[in-house]
Amino acid sequence: MASVGYQVVVARLMENGVENQAIKAEFNQQYGALMSIIRTAYTANMITDIKSLDLRTIFRPKVILLVTDEITKHEHVPYRSRLAKFVETGGTLILCCWFVSKSTTWGIEGILWEFRECQWTVAEGLEAFGRTDLALNRGTAMKQKFGDDAFNLLKDTYSMQAINLKGVATHDQVYRPAWHMVFPAVEALDEFTNTTPSAYHKYGRGYLGYVGDIKLEEGTKELIVAMLGESTPMHR
């Protein structure tokens, strides 16, 4: 269970909290390097049982990294509103990794519904899933929270294969499709200008982050760590 002082809780939730060794090995193969960075840089804890997600004020972490889709199951619906309250009262929730790549559209939107003031939904049609060349947008809520240091090691441009969100305001898009930055004059004519695979939004007193990358592209580890917002080995 997360204790006083934990900055980051990585919620790698498993069915009934039971570890499947094959699944654990698959996760570690894909995300082990990222998890190592987080453990090195933060007072961090990894939980596998949703019942260990203690969000009481005196125990709760600063950040929850939701990296699997177990919470999208029907029996865990009550925990969704608790996560929204956690953010509203000052916490940061980041949706990423297997939460995105192994979830369904319905599953992702079930969580997003708790933050419906953002008006984020999963994109549809050709914009829903694919590879996009992205350009860094420095005028985001991340700058509001962390200042210019948040962008120090982020790539100015890179390509990401991802599940995209739509309805994301420009100032909440950490990366935007690159051509929007090159041809801003035509944005008003483009119905997809509010589509992005990476978003960061101030919600209440806290923040909600989303990283739709499904392959952990070069540049995405830096993006997730930047959303955590503290000094890490990547920044030294």
Protein backbone atom coordinates (compact mmCIF):
# COMPACT_ATOMS: atom_id res chain seq x y z
CA MET A 1 0.00 0.00 0.00
CA ALA A 2 1.25 3.48 -0.82
CA SER A 3 2.59 5.23 2.27
CA VAL A 4 3.24 8.77 3.40
CA GLY A 5 6.01 10.27 1.27
CA TYR A 6 5.37 8.41 -1.97
CA GLN A 7 5.69 10.83 -4.84
CA VAL A 8 4.62 8.38 -7.54
CA VAL A 9 2.42 5.32 -7.46
CA VAL A 10 2.62 3.18 -10.59
CA ALA A 11 -0.73 1.40 -10.83
CA ARG A 12 0.16 -1.73 -12.80
CA LEU A 13 -3.09 -3.36 -11.80
CA MET A 14 -3.59 -7.08 -12.37
CA GLU A 15 -6.73 -9.17 -12.18
CA ASN A 16 -7.56 -9.57 -8.48
CA GLY A 17 -4.07 -8.26 -7.77
CA VAL A 18 -2.55 -11.58 -8.89
CA GLU A 19 0.69 -11.45 -10.88
CA ASN A 20 0.83 -13.48 -14.07
CA GLN A 21 4.52 -14.09 -14.68
CA ALA A 22 4.20 -14.12 -18.47
CA ILE A 23 2.30 -10.82 -18.43
CA LYS A 24 4.79 -9.35 -15.97
CA ALA A 25 7.67 -10.34 -18.26
CA GLU A 26 5.92 -8.81 -21.27
CA PHE A 27 5.32 -5.56 -19.40
CA ASN A 28 8.90 -5.39 -18.16
CA GLN A 29 10.25 -6.04 -21.63
CA GLN A 30 8.30 -3.09 -23.02
CA TYR A 31 8.39 -0.68 -20.09
CA GLY A 32 11.18 -1.89 -17.80
CA ALA A 33 13.54 0.95 -18.72
CA LEU A 34 10.88 3.56 -17.99
CA MET A 35 10.02 1.94 -14.67
CA SER A 36 13.72 1.91 -13.75
CA ILE A 37 13.99 5.65 -14.41
CA ILE A 38 10.98 6.32 -12.21
CA ARG A 39 12.23 4.13 -9.36
CA THR A 40 15.64 5.79 -9.49
CA ALA A 41 14.34 9.33 -9.49
CA TYR A 42 11.34 9.21 -7.16
CA THR A 43 10.05 7.82 -3.93
CA ALA A 44 7.93 5.38 -5.89
CA ASN A 45 5.73 2.38 -5.28
CA MET A 46 4.21 -0.08 -7.74
CA ILE A 47 0.84 -1.59 -6.89
CA THR A 48 -0.89 -4.48 -8.64
CA ASP A 49 -4.12 -4.61 -6.63
CA ILE A 50 -6.71 -1.87 -7.04
CA LYS A 51 -7.58 -2.21 -3.36
CA SER A 52 -4.11 -0.82 -2.60
CA LEU A 53 -4.96 2.43 -4.36
CA ASP A 54 -5.23 4.44 -1.16
CA LEU A 55 -6.22 8.02 -1.94
CA ARG A 56 -6.79 9.30 1.57
CA THR A 57 -5.16 12.68 2.10
CA ILE A 58 -2.50 11.52 4.53
CA PHE A 59 -1.45 8.53 2.46
CA ARG A 60 -1.94 9.60 -1.11
CA PRO A 61 0.93 10.12 -3.56
CA LYS A 62 1.57 13.22 -5.65
CA VAL A 63 1.21 11.33 -8.92
CA ILE A 64 -0.56 8.17 -10.05
CA LEU A 65 0.73 6.63 -13.26
CA LEU A 66 -2.07 4.40 -14.55
CA VAL A 67 -0.28 1.93 -16.83
CA THR A 68 -2.76 -0.95 -17.27
CA ASP A 69 -6.44 -1.22 -18.16
CA GLU A 70 -7.73 -3.25 -15.20
CA ILE A 71 -9.55 -0.20 -13.80
CA THR A 72 -11.73 -0.03 -16.93
CA LYS A 73 -13.55 -3.22 -15.93
CA HIS A 74 -17.13 -2.83 -14.77
CA GLU A 75 -16.49 -4.02 -11.21
CA HIS A 76 -13.99 -1.20 -10.72
CA VAL A 77 -16.28 1.65 -11.79
CA PRO A 78 -16.42 3.10 -8.22
CA TYR A 79 -12.68 3.77 -8.32
CA ARG A 80 -13.02 6.09 -11.31
CA SER A 81 -14.73 8.85 -9.36
CA ARG A 82 -12.08 8.50 -6.65
CA LEU A 83 -9.38 9.14 -9.23
CA ALA A 84 -11.24 12.23 -10.42
CA LYS A 85 -11.46 13.47 -6.83
CA PHE A 86 -7.74 12.77 -6.38
CA VAL A 87 -6.96 15.06 -9.32
CA GLU A 88 -9.52 17.70 -8.42
CA THR A 89 -7.96 18.07 -4.97
CA GLY A 90 -4.39 18.46 -6.19
CA GLY A 91 -3.05 15.13 -7.47
CA THR A 92 -1.74 14.31 -10.92
CA LEU A 93 -3.06 11.33 -12.91
CA ILE A 94 -1.27 10.17 -16.06
CA LEU A 95 -2.93 7.68 -18.41
CA CYS A 96 -0.37 5.80 -20.50
CA CYS A 97 1.28 2.53 -21.54
CA TRP A 98 -1.03 -0.52 -21.43
CA PHE A 99 -3.90 1.58 -20.14
CA VAL A 100 -4.05 2.94 -23.68
CA SER A 101 -2.75 0.11 -25.86
CA LYS A 102 -4.67 -2.76 -24.23
CA SER A 103 -7.88 -0.91 -23.44
CA THR A 104 -10.96 -0.48 -25.60
CA THR A 105 -12.35 2.85 -26.73
CA TRP A 106 -15.15 2.33 -24.23
CA GLY A 107 -12.63 1.64 -21.48
CA ILE A 108 -10.61 4.80 -22.11
CA GLU A 109 -13.73 6.93 -22.39
CA GLY A 110 -15.08 5.47 -19.17
CA ILE A 111 -12.20 7.15 -17.35
CA LEU A 112 -12.36 10.32 -19.44
CA TRP A 113 -16.04 10.66 -18.57
CA GLU A 114 -15.03 11.37 -14.98
CA PHE A 115 -13.12 14.37 -16.36
CA ARG A 116 -15.82 15.40 -18.82
CA GLU A 117 -15.20 19.10 -18.28
CA CYS A 118 -12.08 18.53 -20.40
CA GLN A 119 -14.35 17.38 -23.26
CA TRP A 120 -11.77 14.76 -24.29
CA THR A 121 -12.93 11.67 -26.19
CA VAL A 122 -11.16 9.04 -28.25
CA ALA A 123 -10.82 10.19 -31.86
CA GLU A 124 -12.78 8.37 -34.54
CA GLY A 125 -12.14 7.15 -38.08
CA LEU A 126 -8.78 7.88 -39.69
CA GLU A 127 -7.76 10.16 -36.81
CA ALA A 128 -8.31 7.52 -34.13
CA PHE A 129 -5.18 5.46 -34.60
CA GLY A 130 -2.05 5.85 -36.64
CA ARG A 131 1.43 7.26 -36.95
CA THR A 132 1.77 11.02 -36.82
CA ASP A 133 4.72 13.40 -37.08
CA LEU A 134 4.49 15.64 -34.04
CA ALA A 135 5.86 19.03 -33.03
CA LEU A 136 6.32 20.21 -29.44
CA ASN A 137 3.85 22.83 -28.26
CA ARG A 138 5.46 24.91 -25.51
CA GLY A 139 2.33 26.87 -24.64
CA THR A 140 0.70 24.16 -22.53
CA ALA A 141 -0.48 23.54 -18.99
CA MET A 142 2.86 21.80 -18.39
CA LYS A 143 4.58 25.17 -18.70
CA GLN A 144 2.07 26.65 -16.27
CA LYS A 145 2.99 24.01 -13.70
CA PHE A 146 6.69 23.38 -14.27
CA GLY A 147 7.94 26.38 -16.26
CA ASP A 148 10.24 26.11 -19.27
CA ASP A 149 12.27 23.38 -17.54
CA ALA A 150 9.49 20.93 -18.43
CA PHE A 151 10.63 21.04 -22.06
CA ASN A 152 14.40 20.81 -21.58
CA LEU A 153 14.86 17.26 -22.85
CA LEU A 154 11.69 16.84 -24.89
CA LYS A 155 12.22 16.37 -28.60
CA ASP A 156 11.08 19.29 -30.75
CA THR A 157 9.67 16.80 -33.25
CA TYR A 158 9.18 13.04 -33.41
CA SER A 159 6.91 10.38 -34.85
CA MET A 160 4.44 8.52 -32.64
CA GLN A 161 2.09 5.63 -33.33
CA ALA A 162 -0.77 6.23 -30.96
CA ILE A 163 -4.42 6.24 -30.04
CA ASN A 164 -5.45 9.87 -30.36
CA LEU A 165 -7.83 12.02 -28.40
CA LYS A 166 -10.11 14.66 -29.90
CA GLY A 167 -11.66 17.69 -28.26
CA VAL A 168 -8.31 18.73 -26.76
CA ALA A 169 -7.79 22.48 -26.53
CA THR A 170 -4.61 23.78 -28.16
CA HIS A 171 -3.10 24.83 -24.84
CA ASP A 172 -3.56 21.25 -23.53
CA GLN A 173 -1.76 19.57 -26.47
CA VAL A 174 1.83 18.80 -25.46
CA TYR A 175 2.59 17.62 -28.98
CA ARG A 176 0.58 18.63 -32.02
CA PRO A 177 0.54 17.24 -35.55
CA ALA A 178 3.61 18.88 -37.06
CA TRP A 179 1.89 20.48 -40.00
CA HIS A 180 -0.28 22.57 -37.66
CA MET A 181 2.88 24.31 -36.52
CA VAL A 182 4.10 24.88 -40.08
CA PHE A 183 0.82 26.10 -41.56
CA PRO A 184 -1.03 27.80 -38.66
CA ALA A 185 -3.05 30.00 -41.03
CA VAL A 186 -5.14 27.04 -42.19
CA GLU A 187 -5.92 25.68 -38.73
CA ALA A 188 -9.32 27.35 -38.63
CA LEU A 189 -10.30 25.28 -41.66
CA ASP A 190 -9.14 21.98 -40.24
CA GLU A 191 -11.66 19.94 -38.22
CA PHE A 192 -8.85 17.89 -36.68
CA THR A 193 -6.89 20.68 -34.97
CA ASN A 194 -8.14 19.47 -31.60
CA THR A 195 -6.74 15.95 -32.14
CA THR A 196 -3.56 14.86 -30.35
CA PRO A 197 -1.89 11.78 -28.83
CA SER A 198 -0.49 13.73 -25.87
CA ALA A 199 -2.40 16.03 -23.56
CA TYR A 200 -1.95 17.70 -20.18
CA HIS A 201 -4.80 19.60 -18.54
CA LYS A 202 -5.24 21.51 -15.30
CA TYR A 203 -8.29 20.01 -13.60
CA GLY A 204 -9.35 21.57 -10.33
CA ARG A 205 -6.19 21.90 -8.26
CA GLY A 206 -4.49 18.98 -10.03
CA TYR A 207 -3.54 17.79 -13.49
CA LEU A 208 -4.63 15.08 -15.93
CA GLY A 209 -2.14 13.72 -18.47
CA TYR A 210 -2.61 11.38 -21.42
CA VAL A 211 0.03 9.72 -23.59
CA GLY A 212 -1.50 7.63 -26.38
CA ASP A 213 1.75 6.04 -27.56
CA ILE A 214 1.36 2.27 -28.02
CA LYS A 215 5.00 1.38 -28.79
CA LEU A 216 7.03 3.55 -26.39
CA GLU A 217 8.65 5.44 -29.25
CA GLU A 218 11.96 7.21 -28.82
CA GLY A 219 10.92 10.43 -27.13
CA THR A 220 7.94 9.06 -25.21
CA LYS A 221 9.86 8.05 -22.07
CA GLU A 222 11.00 11.67 -21.85
CA LEU A 223 7.41 12.85 -22.34
CA ILE A 224 6.04 10.70 -19.51
CA VAL A 225 8.87 11.71 -17.17
CA ALA A 226 8.30 15.39 -18.04
CA MET A 227 4.68 14.99 -16.94
CA LEU A 228 5.95 13.73 -13.58
CA GLY A 229 7.81 17.00 -13.34
CA GLU A 230 10.76 16.32 -11.04
CA SER A 231 14.49 16.07 -11.66
CA THR A 232 15.44 12.63 -12.97
CA PRO A 233 18.57 10.94 -14.33
CA MET A 234 17.32 11.95 -17.78
CA HIS A 235 17.69 15.60 -16.76
CA ARG A 236 21.19 15.41 -15.31
